[in-house]
Amino acid sequence: MVTSRSSILETPEGGLEYLTTGSGAPHTVFAHGLAGSIPTTRPFGSGVPGTHTYFHFRGHGASSSPESPWSYSYLADELDAVAAHVNATQALGVSMGAGAICHLLERRPDRFERVVLALPAVLDTPRTDTALRRLLEMAQLADERDVDGVTELLLLEQPAEHRGSELVRRWCADQARVIVRTDVSRALRTIPHAVALHDRRSLREVSTPVLILACEDDPAHPVWVARELAEVLPNAHLEVLPPGGILWTHRARVRELLKGFLA
């Protein structure tokens, strides 16, 4: 459902829901993760100056769910369409959103002036880990409209020390209700098997400053992926945060890093 503040950008593949806040330069586009949303991405914009545009990839929020395959190529197209529409000069992507940015940079190394890749999950080799199996299980539960089941799986993705928190449980339940109302299950079945890049070596052509954020003890977003990404990007800075969740425990540090880098 489109909110009173969001808009729809029509593309050849369907409509993309987006929300713009703030004013002035710089203009940053924010790309969410798999089963994420505009609200879950907005904390990354807290403290970042200028204009922010958040959007929903296909199958999320009020965006269309076209019949074309779920792939990082299509996700990069959607990111590029929104960024071009609002004249964004910077980009921040979380997990799947980071993969979409990488795919776009593989095509156009100079697409953005500054880039943040938060919790990258995949490069150019398919995943085979426990997190992959959990996402496929979540897809089944989403198809069954099992809000409680999806909530419990989302809780398992959170740091152990935060799972008992009422705030965290409420956040997971809210996310579960969003997931079962949309076509996210298609993405959950497809994107975890996909790779973001044809060949990571292509990113050696990217001279843009890139900030990479990772967090220890996050099996869905292994630190080794972030380290390998930092090795191939010529102008990258890698920040590895201690265990505890990038926003649950380290929100103030993340805010400080992003405010400085995207200013």
Protein backbone atom coordinates (compact mmCIF):
# COMPACT_ATOMS: atom_id res chain seq x y z
CA MET A 1 0.00 0.00 0.00
CA VAL A 2 1.38 3.40 -1.01
CA THR A 3 1.62 5.74 1.97
CA SER A 4 0.53 9.37 1.85
CA ARG A 5 4.18 10.42 1.60
CA SER A 6 5.53 7.87 -0.88
CA SER A 7 5.25 7.94 -4.66
CA ILE A 8 5.35 5.45 -7.52
CA LEU A 9 7.96 5.61 -10.28
CA GLU A 10 6.70 3.85 -13.40
CA THR A 11 9.29 1.73 -15.20
CA PRO A 12 9.05 -0.79 -18.07
CA GLU A 13 8.93 -3.57 -15.46
CA GLY A 14 6.27 -1.90 -13.30
CA GLY A 15 5.96 0.65 -10.52
CA LEU A 16 8.58 1.25 -7.83
CA GLU A 17 7.53 2.82 -4.54
CA TYR A 18 9.90 5.50 -3.26
CA LEU A 19 10.03 8.10 -0.49
CA THR A 20 12.17 11.25 -0.49
CA THR A 21 12.99 13.16 2.68
CA GLY A 22 15.31 16.02 3.60
CA SER A 23 16.61 18.68 1.24
CA GLY A 24 19.73 19.95 -0.43
CA ALA A 25 22.95 18.23 -1.39
CA PRO A 26 24.19 15.57 -1.31
CA HIS A 27 21.37 13.28 -2.49
CA THR A 28 21.67 9.67 -1.32
CA VAL A 29 19.59 6.71 -2.47
CA PHE A 30 19.09 3.89 0.07
CA ALA A 31 18.53 0.28 -1.06
CA HIS A 32 17.11 -2.24 1.43
CA GLY A 33 17.95 -5.89 1.98
CA LEU A 34 15.99 -9.03 1.12
CA ALA A 35 12.61 -8.92 2.89
CA GLY A 36 13.53 -5.42 4.07
CA SER A 37 11.61 -2.21 3.56
CA ILE A 38 11.75 1.55 3.51
CA PRO A 39 11.17 1.74 7.30
CA THR A 40 13.94 -0.76 8.08
CA THR A 41 16.40 1.18 5.91
CA ARG A 42 15.64 4.65 7.23
CA PRO A 43 17.81 4.28 10.37
CA PHE A 44 20.85 4.24 8.07
CA GLY A 45 19.93 7.75 6.95
CA SER A 46 19.78 9.13 10.47
CA GLY A 47 22.35 11.90 10.72
CA VAL A 48 23.27 11.83 7.03
CA PRO A 49 22.98 15.37 5.63
CA GLY A 50 21.14 16.38 2.48
CA THR A 51 18.32 14.58 0.67
CA HIS A 52 17.46 10.90 1.14
CA THR A 53 15.48 8.68 -1.21
CA TYR A 54 14.37 5.26 0.03
CA PHE A 55 12.63 2.79 -2.24
CA HIS A 56 11.18 -0.70 -2.42
CA PHE A 57 12.61 -3.25 -4.82
CA ARG A 58 10.18 -5.41 -6.81
CA GLY A 59 7.84 -7.52 -4.69
CA HIS A 60 8.40 -5.35 -1.61
CA GLY A 61 6.09 -2.69 -0.22
CA ALA A 62 3.81 -1.20 -2.87
CA SER A 63 6.24 -1.87 -5.73
CA SER A 64 5.12 -4.12 -8.57
CA SER A 65 6.02 -7.79 -8.71
CA PRO A 66 6.76 -8.40 -12.40
CA GLU A 67 7.00 -11.84 -13.97
CA SER A 68 10.60 -11.29 -15.08
CA PRO A 69 13.17 -13.28 -13.06
CA TRP A 70 14.47 -12.13 -9.72
CA SER A 71 18.13 -11.34 -10.38
CA TYR A 72 20.73 -8.78 -9.39
CA SER A 73 20.61 -7.47 -12.93
CA TYR A 74 16.97 -6.45 -12.55
CA LEU A 75 17.59 -5.13 -9.03
CA ALA A 76 20.43 -2.97 -10.38
CA ASP A 77 18.07 -1.67 -13.07
CA GLU A 78 15.55 -0.65 -10.40
CA LEU A 79 18.19 1.02 -8.25
CA ASP A 80 19.51 2.90 -11.28
CA ALA A 81 16.02 4.00 -12.33
CA VAL A 82 15.23 5.48 -8.91
CA ALA A 83 18.65 7.09 -8.55
CA ALA A 84 18.36 8.68 -12.00
CA HIS A 85 14.81 9.88 -11.34
CA VAL A 86 15.83 11.77 -8.19
CA ASN A 87 19.36 12.69 -9.35
CA ALA A 88 21.04 10.85 -6.50
CA THR A 89 24.84 11.13 -6.43
CA GLN A 90 25.47 8.70 -3.56
CA ALA A 91 24.17 5.23 -2.71
CA LEU A 92 23.89 3.06 0.37
CA GLY A 93 22.82 -0.57 0.10
CA VAL A 94 22.11 -3.12 2.82
CA SER A 95 22.80 -6.82 2.08
CA MET A 96 20.79 -7.46 -1.13
CA GLY A 97 20.83 -3.70 -1.74
CA ALA A 98 24.64 -3.75 -1.46
CA GLY A 99 24.68 -6.52 -4.06
CA ALA A 100 22.52 -4.44 -6.39
CA ILE A 101 24.94 -1.52 -6.07
CA CYS A 102 27.90 -3.81 -6.80
CA HIS A 103 26.16 -5.12 -9.92
CA LEU A 104 25.48 -1.56 -11.09
CA LEU A 105 29.10 -0.57 -10.44
CA GLU A 106 30.25 -3.58 -12.45
CA ARG A 107 28.38 -2.04 -15.41
CA ARG A 108 29.18 1.59 -14.65
CA PRO A 109 32.16 2.02 -12.31
CA ASP A 110 31.62 5.79 -12.06
CA ARG A 111 27.85 5.67 -11.40
CA PHE A 112 28.05 7.27 -7.93
CA GLU A 113 30.34 9.74 -6.21
CA ARG A 114 30.28 7.85 -2.89
CA VAL A 115 29.01 4.40 -1.94
CA VAL A 116 28.28 2.53 1.29
CA LEU A 117 27.98 -1.25 1.23
CA ALA A 118 26.43 -2.39 4.52
CA LEU A 119 26.50 -6.09 5.38
CA PRO A 120 27.38 -7.45 1.92
CA ALA A 121 26.31 -11.09 1.65
CA VAL A 122 27.50 -12.38 -1.73
CA LEU A 123 30.00 -11.59 -4.48
CA ASP A 124 30.51 -13.85 -7.51
CA THR A 125 30.15 -17.31 -5.94
CA PRO A 126 26.81 -18.83 -4.82
CA ARG A 127 25.96 -19.23 -1.15
CA THR A 128 25.67 -22.65 0.48
CA ASP A 129 25.42 -21.75 4.17
CA THR A 130 22.88 -22.23 6.95
CA ALA A 131 21.45 -18.75 6.37
CA LEU A 132 20.47 -19.83 2.85
CA ARG A 133 18.41 -22.73 4.19
CA ARG A 134 16.71 -20.43 6.68
CA LEU A 135 15.67 -18.03 3.91
CA LEU A 136 14.14 -20.88 1.90
CA GLU A 137 12.22 -21.99 5.00
CA MET A 138 11.01 -18.42 5.46
CA ALA A 139 9.73 -18.44 1.86
CA GLN A 140 7.59 -21.49 2.63
CA LEU A 141 6.19 -19.91 5.78
CA ALA A 142 5.48 -16.66 3.90
CA ASP A 143 3.51 -18.60 1.27
CA GLU A 144 1.49 -20.13 4.11
CA ARG A 145 0.91 -16.65 5.61
CA ASP A 146 2.42 -17.94 8.88
CA VAL A 147 3.24 -14.70 10.68
CA ASP A 148 4.37 -16.45 13.88
CA GLY A 149 6.68 -18.79 11.98
CA VAL A 150 8.29 -15.96 10.03
CA THR A 151 8.66 -13.97 13.26
CA GLU A 152 10.58 -16.81 14.91
CA LEU A 153 12.92 -17.17 11.94
CA LEU A 154 13.57 -13.43 11.94
CA LEU A 155 14.36 -13.64 15.65
CA LEU A 156 16.96 -16.32 14.95
CA GLU A 157 18.73 -13.88 12.63
CA GLN A 158 19.13 -11.36 15.47
CA PRO A 159 22.06 -11.42 17.93
CA ALA A 160 21.36 -13.88 20.74
CA GLU A 161 21.67 -11.22 23.44
CA HIS A 162 18.84 -9.19 21.88
CA ARG A 163 16.28 -11.92 21.12
CA GLY A 164 14.55 -11.53 24.47
CA SER A 165 14.08 -7.80 24.03
CA GLU A 166 10.46 -6.71 23.61
CA LEU A 167 11.59 -4.08 21.09
CA VAL A 168 13.37 -6.69 18.95
CA ARG A 169 10.48 -9.15 19.14
CA ARG A 170 8.02 -6.43 18.14
CA TRP A 171 10.26 -5.41 15.23
CA CYS A 172 10.44 -9.01 14.00
CA ALA A 173 6.66 -9.42 14.29
CA ASP A 174 6.08 -6.19 12.34
CA GLN A 175 8.48 -7.35 9.64
CA ALA A 176 6.80 -10.76 9.47
CA ARG A 177 3.41 -9.15 8.86
CA VAL A 178 4.92 -7.10 6.02
CA ILE A 179 6.57 -10.18 4.47
CA VAL A 180 3.43 -12.32 4.38
CA ARG A 181 1.41 -9.49 2.78
CA THR A 182 3.73 -9.09 -0.22
CA ASP A 183 5.36 -11.22 -2.90
CA VAL A 184 8.65 -11.41 -1.00
CA SER A 185 8.50 -15.23 -0.94
CA ARG A 186 9.49 -15.24 -4.64
CA ALA A 187 12.59 -13.27 -3.77
CA LEU A 188 13.36 -15.54 -0.81
CA ARG A 189 13.37 -18.55 -3.13
CA THR A 190 15.55 -16.96 -5.82
CA ILE A 191 17.90 -14.21 -4.65
CA PRO A 192 19.77 -16.32 -2.04
CA HIS A 193 20.94 -18.58 -4.88
CA ALA A 194 22.03 -15.64 -7.08
CA VAL A 195 25.41 -13.91 -7.32
CA ALA A 196 25.78 -10.14 -7.36
CA LEU A 197 28.74 -10.02 -9.74
CA HIS A 198 29.88 -11.78 -12.89
CA ASP A 199 33.52 -11.32 -11.85
CA ARG A 200 34.65 -9.45 -8.74
CA ARG A 201 37.77 -8.28 -10.58
CA SER A 202 35.57 -5.89 -12.56
CA LEU A 203 35.30 -3.75 -9.42
CA ARG A 204 38.97 -2.83 -9.75
CA GLU A 205 37.74 -0.18 -12.18
CA VAL A 206 35.76 1.57 -9.42
CA SER A 207 37.70 4.59 -8.16
CA THR A 208 34.74 5.89 -6.14
CA PRO A 209 35.29 6.05 -2.35
CA VAL A 210 33.47 3.07 -0.80
CA LEU A 211 32.72 2.44 2.86
CA ILE A 212 32.08 -1.22 3.70
CA LEU A 213 30.34 -2.09 6.97
CA ALA A 214 30.42 -5.59 8.47
CA CYS A 215 29.63 -7.07 11.86
CA GLU A 216 31.25 -10.05 13.56
CA ASP A 217 29.14 -13.13 14.33
CA ASP A 218 26.57 -12.39 11.64
CA PRO A 219 26.25 -15.68 9.70
CA ALA A 220 23.90 -14.16 7.12
CA HIS A 221 26.54 -11.55 6.25
CA PRO A 222 29.97 -13.16 6.77
CA VAL A 223 32.84 -10.81 7.48
CA TRP A 224 34.97 -12.65 4.90
CA VAL A 225 32.66 -11.37 2.13
CA ALA A 226 33.27 -7.78 3.26
CA ARG A 227 37.02 -8.38 3.50
CA GLU A 228 37.21 -9.83 -0.02
CA LEU A 229 35.16 -6.91 -1.33
CA ALA A 230 37.52 -4.45 0.35
CA GLU A 231 40.50 -6.20 -1.23
CA VAL A 232 39.19 -5.75 -4.78
CA LEU A 233 37.83 -2.18 -4.51
CA PRO A 234 40.77 0.25 -4.95
CA ASN A 235 39.35 3.05 -2.77
CA ALA A 236 37.52 1.11 -0.05
CA HIS A 237 37.54 1.48 3.71
CA LEU A 238 36.36 -1.55 5.71
CA GLU A 239 34.82 -1.11 9.16
CA VAL A 240 34.22 -4.37 11.05
CA LEU A 241 32.06 -3.88 14.14
CA PRO A 242 32.06 -6.21 17.16
CA PRO A 243 29.24 -8.74 17.65
CA GLY A 244 25.83 -7.48 18.69
CA GLY A 245 24.02 -6.34 15.55
CA ILE A 246 24.90 -3.41 13.32
CA LEU A 247 21.90 -1.35 14.46
CA TRP A 248 20.80 -2.99 17.72
CA THR A 249 24.14 -2.43 19.46
CA HIS A 250 26.20 -0.17 17.18
CA ARG A 251 23.67 2.37 15.92
CA ALA A 252 25.57 5.35 17.35
CA ARG A 253 28.85 4.22 15.76
CA VAL A 254 27.17 3.53 12.41
CA ARG A 255 25.51 6.94 12.52
CA GLU A 256 28.89 8.56 13.17
CA LEU A 257 30.58 6.68 10.32
CA LEU A 258 27.84 7.43 7.80
CA LYS A 259 27.51 11.07 8.78
CA GLY A 260 31.22 11.58 8.21
CA PHE A 261 31.50 9.56 5.02
CA LEU A 262 28.35 10.77 3.24
CA ALA A 263 28.63 14.44 4.24
